[in-house]
C-alpha atoms as a PDB file:
ATOM      1  CA  MET A   1       3.245  99.576 -18.879  1.00  0.00           C
ATOM      2  CA  SER A   2       4.629 102.915 -19.984  1.00  0.00           C
ATOM      3  CA  PHE A   3       7.315 104.773 -18.087  1.00  0.00           C
ATOM      4  CA  LEU A   4       8.691 108.293 -18.099  1.00  0.00           C
ATOM      5  CA  LYS A   5      12.280 109.379 -18.666  1.00  0.00           C
ATOM      6  CA  VAL A   6      13.257 112.946 -17.923  1.00  0.00           C
ATOM      7  CA  PHE A   7      16.601 114.165 -19.210  1.00  0.00           C
ATOM      8  CA  LEU A   8      17.862 117.342 -17.553  1.00  0.00           C
ATOM      9  CA  LEU A   9      19.620 119.476 -20.166  1.00  0.00           C
ATOM     10  CA  PRO A  10      20.773 123.075 -19.878  1.00  0.00           C
ATOM     11  CA  LEU A  11      17.661 125.185 -19.378  1.00  0.00           C
ATOM     12  CA  PHE A  12      15.099 122.541 -20.292  1.00  0.00           C
ATOM     13  CA  PHE A  13      13.781 119.027 -19.773  1.00  0.00           C
ATOM     14  CA  ILE A  14      13.048 116.482 -22.470  1.00  0.00           C
ATOM     15  CA  SER A  15      10.357 114.023 -21.471  1.00  0.00           C
ATOM     16  CA  HIS A  16       9.848 110.674 -23.200  1.00  0.00           C
ATOM     17  CA  ASN A  17       7.193 107.999 -22.769  1.00  0.00           C
ATOM     18  CA  TYR A  18       7.009 104.733 -24.673  1.00  0.00           C
ATOM     19  CA  GLY A  19       3.634 103.465 -25.844  1.00  0.00           C
ATOM     20  CA  HIS A  20       1.881 100.227 -26.608  1.00  0.00           C
ATOM     21  CA  PHE A  21      -0.018 100.754 -29.836  1.00  0.00           C
ATOM     22  CA  THR A  22       1.269 101.559 -33.269  1.00  0.00           C
ATOM     23  CA  SER A  23      -0.199 103.705 -36.029  1.00  0.00           C
ATOM     24  CA  SER A  24       2.622 103.904 -38.571  1.00  0.00           C
ATOM     25  CA  SER A  25       6.358 103.270 -38.884  1.00  0.00           C
ATOM     26  CA  LYS A  26       7.240 106.951 -39.328  1.00  0.00           C
ATOM     27  CA  LYS A  27       8.134 108.783 -36.130  1.00  0.00           C
ATOM     28  CA  ILE A  28       6.108 111.882 -35.253  1.00  0.00           C
ATOM     29  CA  THR A  29       7.898 114.382 -33.021  1.00  0.00           C
ATOM     30  CA  ILE A  30       5.734 116.746 -30.994  1.00  0.00           C
ATOM     31  CA  VAL A  31       7.036 119.635 -28.875  1.00  0.00           C
ATOM     32  CA  LEU A  32       4.729 120.797 -26.077  1.00  0.00           C
ATOM     33  CA  VAL A  33       5.453 124.267 -24.683  1.00  0.00           C
ATOM     34  CA  PRO A  34       3.651 125.061 -21.384  1.00  0.00           C
ATOM     35  CA  ALA A  35       3.231 128.754 -20.552  1.00  0.00           C
ATOM     36  CA  GLY A  36       4.935 130.224 -17.527  1.00  0.00           C
ATOM     37  CA  ASN A  37       8.323 129.824 -15.858  1.00  0.00           C
ATOM     38  CA  HIS A  38      10.145 130.581 -12.603  1.00  0.00           C
ATOM     39  CA  LYS A  39      10.368 134.311 -13.262  1.00  0.00           C
ATOM     40  CA  ASN A  40       6.861 134.630 -14.678  1.00  0.00           C
ATOM     41  CA  PRO A  41       4.503 131.900 -13.403  1.00  0.00           C
ATOM     42  CA  GLY A  42       1.660 133.373 -15.453  1.00  0.00           C
ATOM     43  CA  ARG A  43      -1.951 134.097 -14.654  1.00  0.00           C
ATOM     44  CA  ILE A  44      -3.762 132.728 -11.626  1.00  0.00           C
ATOM     45  CA  ILE A  45      -6.531 130.176 -12.103  1.00  0.00           C
ATOM     46  CA  ASP A  46      -8.403 129.325  -8.904  1.00  0.00           C
ATOM     47  CA  LYS A  47      -5.370 130.090  -6.682  1.00  0.00           C
ATOM     48  CA  THR A  48      -3.044 128.091  -8.957  1.00  0.00           C
ATOM     49  CA  TYR A  49      -0.400 129.515 -11.273  1.00  0.00           C
ATOM     50  CA  GLU A  50      -0.826 129.114 -15.014  1.00  0.00           C
ATOM     51  CA  ARG A  51       2.553 127.352 -15.320  1.00  0.00           C
ATOM     52  CA  THR A  52       1.359 124.554 -12.995  1.00  0.00           C
ATOM     53  CA  ILE A  53      -1.807 123.929 -15.008  1.00  0.00           C
ATOM     54  CA  THR A  54      -0.206 124.137 -18.456  1.00  0.00           C
ATOM     55  CA  HIS A  55       2.589 121.787 -17.397  1.00  0.00           C
ATOM     56  CA  SER A  56      -0.012 119.318 -16.107  1.00  0.00           C
ATOM     57  CA  ILE A  57      -1.785 119.469 -19.474  1.00  0.00           C
ATOM     58  CA  ALA A  58       1.496 118.968 -21.350  1.00  0.00           C
ATOM     59  CA  GLN A  59       2.448 115.983 -19.188  1.00  0.00           C
ATOM     60  CA  ALA A  60      -0.976 114.372 -19.583  1.00  0.00           C
ATOM     61  CA  LEU A  61      -1.122 114.863 -23.351  1.00  0.00           C
ATOM     62  CA  GLY A  62       2.462 113.747 -23.908  1.00  0.00           C
ATOM     63  CA  THR A  63       1.959 110.611 -21.842  1.00  0.00           C
ATOM     64  CA  LEU A  64      -1.248 109.637 -23.644  1.00  0.00           C
ATOM     65  CA  PHE A  65       0.177 110.381 -27.086  1.00  0.00           C
ATOM     66  CA  GLU A  66       3.079 108.009 -26.475  1.00  0.00           C
ATOM     67  CA  GLU A  67       1.155 105.369 -24.545  1.00  0.00           C
ATOM     68  CA  GLU A  68      -1.376 105.014 -27.333  1.00  0.00           C
ATOM     69  CA  ARG A  69       0.953 105.018 -30.351  1.00  0.00           C
ATOM     70  CA  TYR A  70       4.520 103.905 -30.958  1.00  0.00           C
ATOM     71  CA  ASP A  71       5.018 106.416 -33.761  1.00  0.00           C
ATOM     72  CA  CYS A  72       4.919 109.447 -31.446  1.00  0.00           C
ATOM     73  CA  GLU A  73       7.728 111.072 -29.468  1.00  0.00           C
ATOM     74  CA  CYS A  74       6.855 113.998 -27.204  1.00  0.00           C
ATOM     75  CA  ILE A  75       9.199 116.653 -25.876  1.00  0.00           C
ATOM     76  CA  ILE A  76       8.159 119.087 -23.169  1.00  0.00           C
ATOM     77  CA  ALA A  77      10.126 122.335 -23.355  1.00  0.00           C
ATOM     78  CA  GLN A  78      10.359 123.841 -19.905  1.00  0.00           C
ATOM     79  CA  SER A  79      12.849 125.728 -17.769  1.00  0.00           C
ATOM     80  CA  SER A  80      14.871 123.850 -15.176  1.00  0.00           C
ATOM     81  CA  GLY A  81      15.228 125.078 -11.607  1.00  0.00           C
ATOM     82  CA  LYS A  82      15.309 128.853 -11.353  1.00  0.00           C
ATOM     83  CA  SER A  83      16.340 129.447 -14.964  1.00  0.00           C
ATOM     84  CA  SER A  84      13.871 130.558 -17.610  1.00  0.00           C
ATOM     85  CA  LEU A  85      13.627 129.973 -21.342  1.00  0.00           C
ATOM     86  CA  ASP A  86      13.606 133.062 -23.508  1.00  0.00           C
ATOM     87  CA  GLN A  87      12.086 133.128 -26.993  1.00  0.00           C
ATOM     88  CA  LEU A  88      15.350 132.274 -28.772  1.00  0.00           C
ATOM     89  CA  GLN A  89      16.059 129.284 -26.488  1.00  0.00           C
ATOM     90  CA  HIS A  90      12.514 128.011 -26.887  1.00  0.00           C
ATOM     91  CA  VAL A  91      12.825 128.224 -30.681  1.00  0.00           C
ATOM     92  CA  SER A  92      16.282 126.597 -30.641  1.00  0.00           C
ATOM     93  CA  ILE A  93      14.911 123.581 -28.785  1.00  0.00           C
ATOM     94  CA  THR A  94      12.034 123.226 -31.221  1.00  0.00           C
ATOM     95  CA  ASN A  95      14.111 123.553 -34.380  1.00  0.00           C
ATOM     96  CA  SER A  96      16.963 121.330 -33.157  1.00  0.00           C
ATOM     97  CA  VAL A  97      14.699 118.279 -32.783  1.00  0.00           C
ATOM     98  CA  HIS A  98      13.057 118.781 -36.217  1.00  0.00           C
ATOM     99  CA  ALA A  99       9.571 118.619 -34.717  1.00  0.00           C
ATOM    100  CA  ASP A 100       6.510 117.857 -36.821  1.00  0.00           C
ATOM    101  CA  LEU A 101       4.314 120.089 -34.679  1.00  0.00           C
ATOM    102  CA  VAL A 102       4.700 122.580 -31.837  1.00  0.00           C
ATOM    103  CA  ILE A 103       1.830 122.916 -29.359  1.00  0.00           C
ATOM    104  CA  ILE A 104       1.973 126.041 -27.182  1.00  0.00           C
ATOM    105  CA  LEU A 105      -0.282 125.873 -24.121  1.00  0.00           C
ATOM    106  CA  SER A 106      -1.726 128.732 -22.073  1.00  0.00           C
ATOM    107  CA  ALA A 107      -4.582 129.061 -19.566  1.00  0.00           C
ATOM    108  CA  TYR A 108      -6.729 131.696 -17.894  1.00  0.00           C
ATOM    109  CA  GLN A 109      -9.485 132.041 -15.291  1.00  0.00           C
ATOM    110  CA  GLN A 110     -13.108 132.144 -16.440  1.00  0.00           C
ATOM    111  CA  ASP A 111     -16.512 132.060 -14.750  1.00  0.00           C
ATOM    112  CA  ASN A 112     -18.144 129.449 -16.985  1.00  0.00           C
ATOM    113  CA  ALA A 113     -17.892 125.983 -15.424  1.00  0.00           C
ATOM    114  CA  THR A 114     -17.461 124.349 -18.851  1.00  0.00           C
ATOM    115  CA  PRO A 115     -13.810 124.593 -19.977  1.00  0.00           C
ATOM    116  CA  SER A 116     -13.221 126.608 -23.140  1.00  0.00           C
ATOM    117  CA  LEU A 117     -10.599 126.171 -25.834  1.00  0.00           C
ATOM    118  CA  SER A 118      -9.321 128.667 -28.405  1.00  0.00           C
ATOM    119  CA  LEU A 119      -7.103 127.548 -31.296  1.00  0.00           C
ATOM    120  CA  TYR A 120      -4.641 130.005 -32.840  1.00  0.00           C
ATOM    121  CA  HIS A 121      -2.361 129.656 -35.854  1.00  0.00           C
ATOM    122  CA  SER A 122      -0.170 132.155 -37.688  1.00  0.00           C
ATOM    123  CA  PRO A 123      -1.934 134.309 -40.316  1.00  0.00           C
ATOM    124  CA  THR A 124      -1.675 132.762 -43.759  1.00  0.00           C
ATOM    125  CA  PRO A 125       0.043 134.768 -46.546  1.00  0.00           C
ATOM    126  CA  LEU A 126      -1.894 135.496 -49.728  1.00  0.00           C
ATOM    127  CA  LEU A 127       0.271 133.036 -51.663  1.00  0.00           C
ATOM    128  CA  ALA A 128       1.322 129.670 -50.258  1.00  0.00           C
ATOM    129  CA  GLN A 129       5.050 129.452 -49.582  1.00  0.00           C
ATOM    130  CA  SER A 130       7.285 126.401 -49.289  1.00  0.00           C
ATOM    131  CA  PRO A 131      10.033 126.042 -46.665  1.00  0.00           C
ATOM    132  CA  ALA A 132      13.478 126.614 -48.153  1.00  0.00           C
ATOM    133  CA  GLN A 133      15.173 123.391 -49.256  1.00  0.00           C
ATOM    134  CA  THR A 134      18.654 124.943 -49.430  1.00  0.00           C
ATOM    135  CA  LEU A 135      20.699 127.170 -47.164  1.00  0.00           C
ATOM    136  CA  SER A 136      19.211 130.657 -47.203  1.00  0.00           C
ATOM    137  CA  PHE A 137      18.955 133.674 -44.976  1.00  0.00           C
ATOM    138  CA  VAL A 138      15.462 134.405 -43.684  1.00  0.00           C
ATOM    139  CA  PRO A 139      14.574 137.021 -41.043  1.00  0.00           C
ATOM    140  CA  PHE A 140      13.865 135.404 -37.660  1.00  0.00           C
ATOM    141  CA  GLU A 141      10.334 136.811 -37.555  1.00  0.00           C
ATOM    142  CA  LYS A 142       9.544 135.310 -40.999  1.00  0.00           C
ATOM    143  CA  ILE A 143      10.809 131.744 -40.540  1.00  0.00           C
ATOM    144  CA  HIS A 144       7.392 130.435 -39.494  1.00  0.00           C
ATOM    145  CA  THR A 145       5.543 131.998 -42.457  1.00  0.00           C
ATOM    146  CA  PRO A 146       5.927 129.103 -44.963  1.00  0.00           C
ATOM    147  CA  HIS A 147       4.253 126.802 -42.430  1.00  0.00           C
ATOM    148  CA  ALA A 148       1.236 129.054 -41.825  1.00  0.00           C
ATOM    149  CA  HIS A 149      -1.086 127.330 -44.308  1.00  0.00           C
ATOM    150  CA  ILE A 150      -0.375 123.869 -42.889  1.00  0.00           C
ATOM    151  CA  SER A 151      -0.755 125.166 -39.324  1.00  0.00           C
ATOM    152  CA  LYS A 152      -4.167 126.515 -40.312  1.00  0.00           C
ATOM    153  CA  GLN A 153      -5.151 123.121 -41.735  1.00  0.00           C
ATOM    154  CA  TYR A 154      -4.038 121.412 -38.536  1.00  0.00           C
ATOM    155  CA  ALA A 155      -6.125 123.801 -36.439  1.00  0.00           C
ATOM    156  CA  HIS A 156      -9.240 123.072 -38.506  1.00  0.00           C
ATOM    157  CA  VAL A 157      -8.725 119.304 -38.296  1.00  0.00           C
ATOM    158  CA  LEU A 158      -8.660 119.602 -34.504  1.00  0.00           C
ATOM    159  CA  TYR A 159     -11.704 121.864 -34.475  1.00  0.00           C
ATOM    160  CA  ASP A 160     -13.713 119.641 -36.841  1.00  0.00           C
ATOM    161  CA  HIS A 161     -12.938 116.511 -34.843  1.00  0.00           C
ATOM    162  CA  ILE A 162     -13.674 117.970 -31.418  1.00  0.00           C
ATOM    163  CA  THR A 163     -17.005 119.448 -32.523  1.00  0.00           C
ATOM    164  CA  THR A 164     -18.186 116.005 -33.686  1.00  0.00           C
ATOM    165  CA  LEU A 165     -17.360 114.226 -30.416  1.00  0.00           C
ATOM    166  CA  PRO A 166     -20.374 113.034 -28.386  1.00  0.00           C
ATOM    167  CA  HIS A 167     -20.782 114.273 -24.813  1.00  0.00           C
ATOM    168  CA  ILE A 168     -18.310 117.078 -25.363  1.00  0.00           C
ATOM    169  CA  THR A 169     -16.743 118.401 -22.141  1.00  0.00           C
ATOM    170  CA  LEU A 170     -15.549 121.761 -23.434  1.00  0.00           C
ATOM    171  CA  THR A 171     -16.558 124.753 -25.524  1.00  0.00           C
ATOM    172  CA  ILE A 172     -14.301 125.219 -28.542  1.00  0.00           C
ATOM    173  CA  LYS A 173     -14.020 128.344 -30.646  1.00  0.00           C
ATOM    174  CA  LYS A 174     -13.259 128.417 -34.369  1.00  0.00           C
ATOM    175  CA  PRO A 175      -9.525 128.671 -35.212  1.00  0.00           C
ATOM    176  CA  ILE A 176      -8.159 132.186 -35.612  1.00  0.00           C
ATOM    177  CA  GLY A 177      -5.010 133.378 -37.387  1.00  0.00           C
ATOM    178  CA  LEU A 178      -3.036 135.795 -35.216  1.00  0.00           C
ATOM    179  CA  PRO A 179       0.539 137.176 -35.464  1.00  0.00           C
ATOM    180  CA  LEU A 180       1.747 135.590 -32.229  1.00  0.00           C
ATOM    181  CA  VAL A 181       5.284 136.346 -31.051  1.00  0.00           C
ATOM    182  CA  LEU A 182       5.719 132.812 -29.690  1.00  0.00           C
ATOM    183  CA  HIS A 183       5.383 131.423 -33.233  1.00  0.00           C
ATOM    184  CA  GLU A 184       8.207 133.547 -34.626  1.00  0.00           C
ATOM    185  CA  GLY A 185      11.358 131.645 -35.527  1.00  0.00           C
ATOM    186  CA  ILE A 186       9.706 128.215 -35.416  1.00  0.00           C
ATOM    187  CA  ASN A 187      10.598 126.312 -38.561  1.00  0.00           C
ATOM    188  CA  THR A 188       7.668 123.890 -38.427  1.00  0.00           C
ATOM    189  CA  PRO A 189       3.860 124.065 -38.070  1.00  0.00           C
ATOM    190  CA  ALA A 190       2.795 125.513 -34.708  1.00  0.00           C
ATOM    191  CA  LEU A 191      -0.495 125.918 -32.851  1.00  0.00           C
ATOM    192  CA  SER A 192      -1.378 127.840 -29.712  1.00  0.00           C
ATOM    193  CA  LEU A 193      -4.077 126.410 -27.456  1.00  0.00           C
ATOM    194  CA  GLU A 194      -5.536 128.821 -24.901  1.00  0.00           C
ATOM    195  CA  CYS A 195      -7.750 127.175 -22.293  1.00  0.00           C
ATOM    196  CA  GLY A 196     -10.231 128.783 -19.915  1.00  0.00           C
ATOM    197  CA  PHE A 197     -11.033 127.135 -16.574  1.00  0.00           C
ATOM    198  CA  ALA A 198     -13.260 128.002 -13.631  1.00  0.00           C
ATOM    199  CA  SER A 199     -11.424 125.583 -11.336  1.00  0.00           C
ATOM    200  CA  ASN A 200      -7.770 124.566 -11.155  1.00  0.00           C
ATOM    201  CA  ASP A 201      -8.631 120.892 -11.722  1.00  0.00           C
ATOM    202  CA  HIS A 202     -10.904 121.397 -14.737  1.00  0.00           C
ATOM    203  CA  TRP A 203      -7.926 120.964 -17.082  1.00  0.00           C
ATOM    204  CA  GLN A 204      -8.505 117.223 -16.706  1.00  0.00           C
ATOM    205  CA  LEU A 205     -11.818 117.574 -18.585  1.00  0.00           C
ATOM    206  CA  ILE A 206     -10.114 118.589 -21.830  1.00  0.00           C
ATOM    207  CA  ILE A 207      -7.471 115.842 -21.965  1.00  0.00           C
ATOM    208  CA  GLN A 208      -9.582 113.064 -23.496  1.00  0.00           C
ATOM    209  CA  PRO A 209     -11.210 115.112 -26.288  1.00  0.00           C
ATOM    210  CA  LEU A 210      -7.885 116.761 -27.106  1.00  0.00           C
ATOM    211  CA  THR A 211      -6.102 113.411 -27.226  1.00  0.00           C
ATOM    212  CA  GLN A 212      -8.701 111.973 -29.605  1.00  0.00           C
ATOM    213  CA  ALA A 213      -8.545 115.049 -31.830  1.00  0.00           C
ATOM    214  CA  PHE A 214      -4.748 115.018 -31.972  1.00  0.00           C
ATOM    215  CA  HIS A 215      -4.719 111.315 -32.874  1.00  0.00           C
ATOM    216  CA  ALA A 216      -6.984 112.156 -35.817  1.00  0.00           C
ATOM    217  CA  LEU A 217      -4.575 114.933 -36.779  1.00  0.00           C
ATOM    218  CA  PHE A 218      -1.481 112.734 -36.470  1.00  0.00           C
ATOM    219  CA  ASP A 219      -3.094 110.127 -38.726  1.00  0.00           C
ATOM    220  CA  SER A 220      -3.607 112.737 -41.439  1.00  0.00           C
ATOM    221  CA  LEU A 221      -0.320 114.685 -41.250  1.00  0.00           C
ATOM    222  CA  ASP A 222       1.106 113.359 -44.510  1.00  0.00           C
ATOM    223  CA  THR A 223      -2.161 113.905 -46.381  1.00  0.00           C
ATOM    224  CA  ILE A 224      -2.397 117.517 -45.210  1.00  0.00           C
ATOM    225  CA  LYS A 225       1.204 118.263 -46.140  1.00  0.00           C
ATOM    226  CA  LYS A 226       0.672 116.931 -49.676  1.00  0.00           C
ATOM    227  CA  THR A 227      -2.617 118.711 -50.379  1.00  0.00           C
ATOM    228  CA  LYS A 228      -2.601 121.886 -52.449  1.00  0.00           C
ATOM    229  CA  LYS A 229      -6.013 123.027 -51.242  1.00  0.00           C
ATOM    230  CA  TYR A 230      -6.177 125.412 -48.331  1.00  0.00           C
ATOM    231  CA  ARG A 231      -9.134 126.751 -46.422  1.00  0.00           C
END
């Protein structure tokens, strides 16, 4: 039976769950970043703040990731109490744990009863770049650039897997490359998932297909990183 440990650190929590099934011996570290905080709770979805819904999604995904595979460690970056994480603090958390992937979650109100999902990655440069292997000075807003091609690959793996699932419970849009501020400074692949819901409990409908798609992605991380072919 899995259990949850929450460590209260300055300005953020780190949440850990321990799973039952194993996929590989190499540890995969995932950082989940729910939108919203004490100062800015975000948009309202069916009388519920965005921060409440995105945190629920992060908790559900993190728990399932770790319950279903021993090789996965999930960290939920969130503000504690009445404090709020700014961009630099959010990036510092992500880079300090040497994450394999950052998942940024946001949500909005929509009329369609079927939940929708949009996948965003950083725009890919014309020429593939490799992360620096030695100490070097890189502008904060450019640190994420060498990971853009891999982030794009990750987004397409998720999209391809979700669109092949039977009895799909959400509408997913093709991945788009956008210059998102929340990706700046992150020294690892990052994806933004924006979800549309008609009701404040519809977030539960996306958890199972997302979990399955992310498991497929986690199983192919090494292969994607080694490939020289990009979409």
